[in-house]
Amino acid sequence: MSTTSNPNDLSARLRSRTEADRRQIEETMASEQRRLGERLRAVVNDALRTTEADTAVTVARVRVMLLNAWLRPLVVGVIIFLGISGGSWGLMQWLSAGIQSRIETLAALDVQIEDARETLAGIEETTWGVTLLDIDGDRFVVLPVGTIAHPPWTVGGRPALKLSSE
C-alpha cells in the first residue's frame, strides 16, 4: 500500500473530519443550550417566585391601606348616618306624639269651653243677668243695665245694690 494520498482522499478525510467536528460542535452546543436553558429556567422560576412574593406583599399592603383609608371611614360614616337618621326618626316620633296629644287636649278643652259657655248662657237666662260680687269685703248685687234709674252704687257701669255686712 502506498502512503500517497490523492486529492480525493484528502477531500474525503477533510469532509469526514469536518463532519466529525461539526457533530462535536453541535453536540457541545446542544449540551450547552440545555444547561443554559436549565439555568435560565431556574433563574426565571426564582424571579417568578420573588415577583409572586413581592406581589403578595404589595397586595397585602394595598388591602391594609384600603382598610385604613376607605373601609373604616366608610363604616364610621354609615354608623354616624344611621345614628343621626335613627335619632331624627325617634325625635320626630316623640314630637309627633306630643303634638298629637296637645291637639287632642285642645279639642277636649274646646268641648269643655263650649259646655261652659252653654252653662253660663243658661245661668244668665235663669238669673236674668243678676251677678253677686265681693269687692274688698263689700258684697254687691249687680243688676242688668236699665233696671234702676238712679242707682246708689255702680259696678262696671251697671247698677248695683250693696248688701249689709251684718
Protein backbone atom coordinates (compact mmCIF):
# COMPACT_ATOMS: atom_id res chain seq x y z
CA MET A 1 0.00 0.00 0.00
CA SER A 2 1.06 3.25 -0.77
CA THR A 3 1.06 6.17 1.55
CA THR A 4 0.49 8.69 -1.05
CA SER A 5 -2.69 10.45 -0.90
CA ASN A 6 -4.64 11.78 -3.65
CA PRO A 7 -6.80 14.86 -3.60
CA ASN A 8 -9.95 12.82 -3.38
CA ASP A 9 -8.74 11.04 -0.26
CA LEU A 10 -7.73 14.32 1.26
CA SER A 11 -11.04 15.83 0.40
CA ALA A 12 -12.90 12.83 1.85
CA ARG A 13 -10.84 12.95 5.04
CA LEU A 14 -11.35 16.65 5.27
CA ARG A 15 -15.09 16.19 4.84
CA SER A 16 -15.09 13.39 7.36
CA ARG A 17 -13.10 15.45 9.79
CA THR A 18 -15.30 18.50 9.19
CA GLU A 19 -18.38 16.34 9.67
CA ALA A 20 -17.00 14.95 12.94
CA ASP A 21 -16.06 18.44 14.15
CA ARG A 22 -19.49 19.71 13.15
CA ARG A 23 -21.19 16.88 15.08
CA GLN A 24 -19.00 17.51 18.09
CA ILE A 25 -19.73 21.26 17.91
CA GLU A 26 -23.46 20.55 17.54
CA GLU A 27 -23.40 18.14 20.48
CA THR A 28 -21.44 20.62 22.56
CA MET A 29 -23.82 23.42 21.52
CA ALA A 30 -26.87 21.27 22.29
CA SER A 31 -25.39 20.36 25.69
CA GLU A 32 -24.55 23.99 26.41
CA GLN A 33 -28.01 25.09 25.25
CA ARG A 34 -29.62 22.51 27.58
CA ARG A 35 -27.51 23.71 30.51
CA LEU A 36 -28.20 27.34 29.58
CA GLY A 37 -31.93 26.56 29.30
CA GLU A 38 -31.92 24.83 32.68
CA ARG A 39 -30.10 27.77 34.25
CA LEU A 40 -32.46 30.22 32.57
CA ARG A 41 -35.48 28.22 33.83
CA ALA A 42 -34.01 28.24 37.34
CA VAL A 43 -33.36 32.00 37.15
CA VAL A 44 -36.83 32.66 35.69
CA ASN A 45 -38.51 30.43 38.30
CA ASP A 46 -36.57 32.18 41.05
CA ALA A 47 -37.53 35.59 39.62
CA LEU A 48 -41.16 34.43 39.31
CA ARG A 49 -41.22 33.26 42.94
CA THR A 50 -39.67 36.55 44.04
CA THR A 51 -42.20 38.52 41.94
CA GLU A 52 -45.09 36.46 43.34
CA ALA A 53 -43.87 37.02 46.89
CA ASP A 54 -43.43 40.75 46.27
CA THR A 55 -46.86 40.92 44.64
CA ALA A 56 -48.43 39.12 47.61
CA VAL A 57 -46.77 41.59 49.99
CA THR A 58 -47.91 44.52 47.84
CA VAL A 59 -51.46 43.17 47.69
CA ALA A 60 -51.47 42.76 51.47
CA ARG A 61 -50.25 46.33 51.88
CA VAL A 62 -52.89 47.61 49.45
CA ARG A 63 -55.57 45.72 51.38
CA VAL A 64 -54.40 47.26 54.65
CA MET A 65 -54.28 50.68 53.01
CA LEU A 66 -57.79 50.26 51.64
CA LEU A 67 -58.98 49.06 55.01
CA ASN A 68 -57.46 52.06 56.76
CA ALA A 69 -58.11 54.66 54.07
CA TRP A 70 -61.58 53.72 52.85
CA LEU A 71 -63.34 50.94 54.67
CA ARG A 72 -63.05 52.22 58.23
CA PRO A 73 -64.13 55.78 57.37
CA LEU A 74 -66.96 54.34 55.30
CA VAL A 75 -68.14 52.18 58.18
CA VAL A 76 -67.84 55.08 60.60
CA GLY A 77 -69.76 57.31 58.19
CA VAL A 78 -72.52 54.73 57.76
CA ILE A 79 -72.78 54.27 61.54
CA ILE A 80 -72.97 58.05 62.06
CA PHE A 81 -75.58 58.34 59.28
CA LEU A 82 -77.66 55.56 60.80
CA GLY A 83 -77.32 57.11 64.27
CA ILE A 84 -78.42 60.52 63.06
CA SER A 85 -81.23 59.03 60.99
CA GLY A 86 -82.43 56.84 63.86
CA GLY A 87 -82.19 59.70 66.33
CA SER A 88 -84.06 62.02 63.97
CA TRP A 89 -86.75 59.41 63.41
CA GLY A 90 -87.11 58.87 67.17
CA LEU A 91 -87.23 62.62 67.80
CA MET A 92 -89.86 63.07 65.10
CA GLN A 93 -91.95 60.26 66.60
CA TRP A 94 -91.69 61.80 70.05
CA LEU A 95 -92.55 65.29 68.77
CA SER A 96 -95.40 63.91 66.69
CA ALA A 97 -96.83 62.09 69.72
CA GLY A 98 -96.54 65.29 71.80
CA ILE A 99 -98.23 67.39 69.12
CA GLN A 100 -100.99 64.80 68.68
CA SER A 101 -101.54 64.74 72.45
CA ARG A 102 -101.78 68.53 72.55
CA ILE A 103 -104.20 68.56 69.61
CA GLU A 104 -106.41 66.06 71.44
CA THR A 105 -106.16 68.09 74.66
CA LEU A 106 -107.05 71.28 72.75
CA ALA A 107 -110.08 69.57 71.21
CA ALA A 108 -111.21 68.36 74.66
CA LEU A 109 -110.73 71.87 76.11
CA ASP A 110 -112.72 73.37 73.22
CA VAL A 111 -115.55 70.99 74.05
CA GLN A 112 -115.32 71.94 77.75
CA ILE A 113 -115.28 75.66 76.90
CA GLU A 114 -118.35 75.25 74.70
CA ASP A 115 -120.13 73.35 77.51
CA ALA A 116 -119.16 76.10 79.99
CA ARG A 117 -120.48 78.79 77.63
CA GLU A 118 -123.75 76.92 77.27
CA THR A 119 -123.94 76.57 81.08
CA LEU A 120 -123.16 80.27 81.52
CA ALA A 121 -125.83 81.21 78.99
CA GLY A 122 -128.28 79.01 80.87
CA ILE A 123 -127.34 80.59 84.22
CA GLU A 124 -127.64 84.12 82.79
CA GLU A 125 -131.02 83.21 81.41
CA THR A 126 -132.28 81.88 84.76
CA THR A 127 -130.75 84.72 86.84
CA TRP A 128 -131.90 87.47 84.43
CA GLY A 129 -128.36 88.89 84.33
CA VAL A 130 -128.04 89.43 88.11
CA THR A 131 -124.49 88.92 89.42
CA LEU A 132 -123.17 88.61 93.00
CA LEU A 133 -119.75 90.18 93.65
CA ASP A 134 -117.46 90.59 96.64
CA ILE A 135 -115.24 93.68 96.25
CA ASP A 136 -112.78 94.37 99.09
CA GLY A 137 -115.06 92.66 101.61
CA ASP A 138 -118.21 94.55 100.43
CA ARG A 139 -120.90 92.39 98.87
CA PHE A 140 -122.89 93.68 95.88
CA VAL A 141 -125.81 92.51 93.78
CA VAL A 142 -125.11 93.78 90.24
CA LEU A 143 -128.30 94.29 88.21
CA PRO A 144 -128.79 94.41 84.43
CA VAL A 145 -128.43 97.82 82.78
CA GLY A 146 -131.61 99.91 82.90
CA THR A 147 -133.27 98.24 85.88
CA ILE A 148 -132.77 101.23 88.25
CA ALA A 149 -132.88 104.83 87.02
CA HIS A 150 -130.57 106.39 89.68
CA PRO A 151 -128.64 103.57 91.33
CA PRO A 152 -126.81 104.32 94.59
CA TRP A 153 -123.88 102.15 93.52
CA THR A 154 -122.44 101.12 90.14
CA VAL A 155 -120.03 98.29 89.36
CA GLY A 156 -118.51 98.29 85.90
CA GLY A 157 -121.15 100.74 84.67
CA ARG A 158 -124.06 98.55 85.83
CA PRO A 159 -126.39 99.44 88.71
CA ALA A 160 -125.64 97.61 91.96
CA LEU A 161 -127.11 97.17 95.43
CA LYS A 162 -124.78 96.96 98.40
CA LEU A 163 -125.64 94.25 100.87
CA SER A 164 -125.04 94.89 104.55
CA SER A 165 -122.19 93.04 106.04
CA GLU A 166 -124.22 92.15 109.12
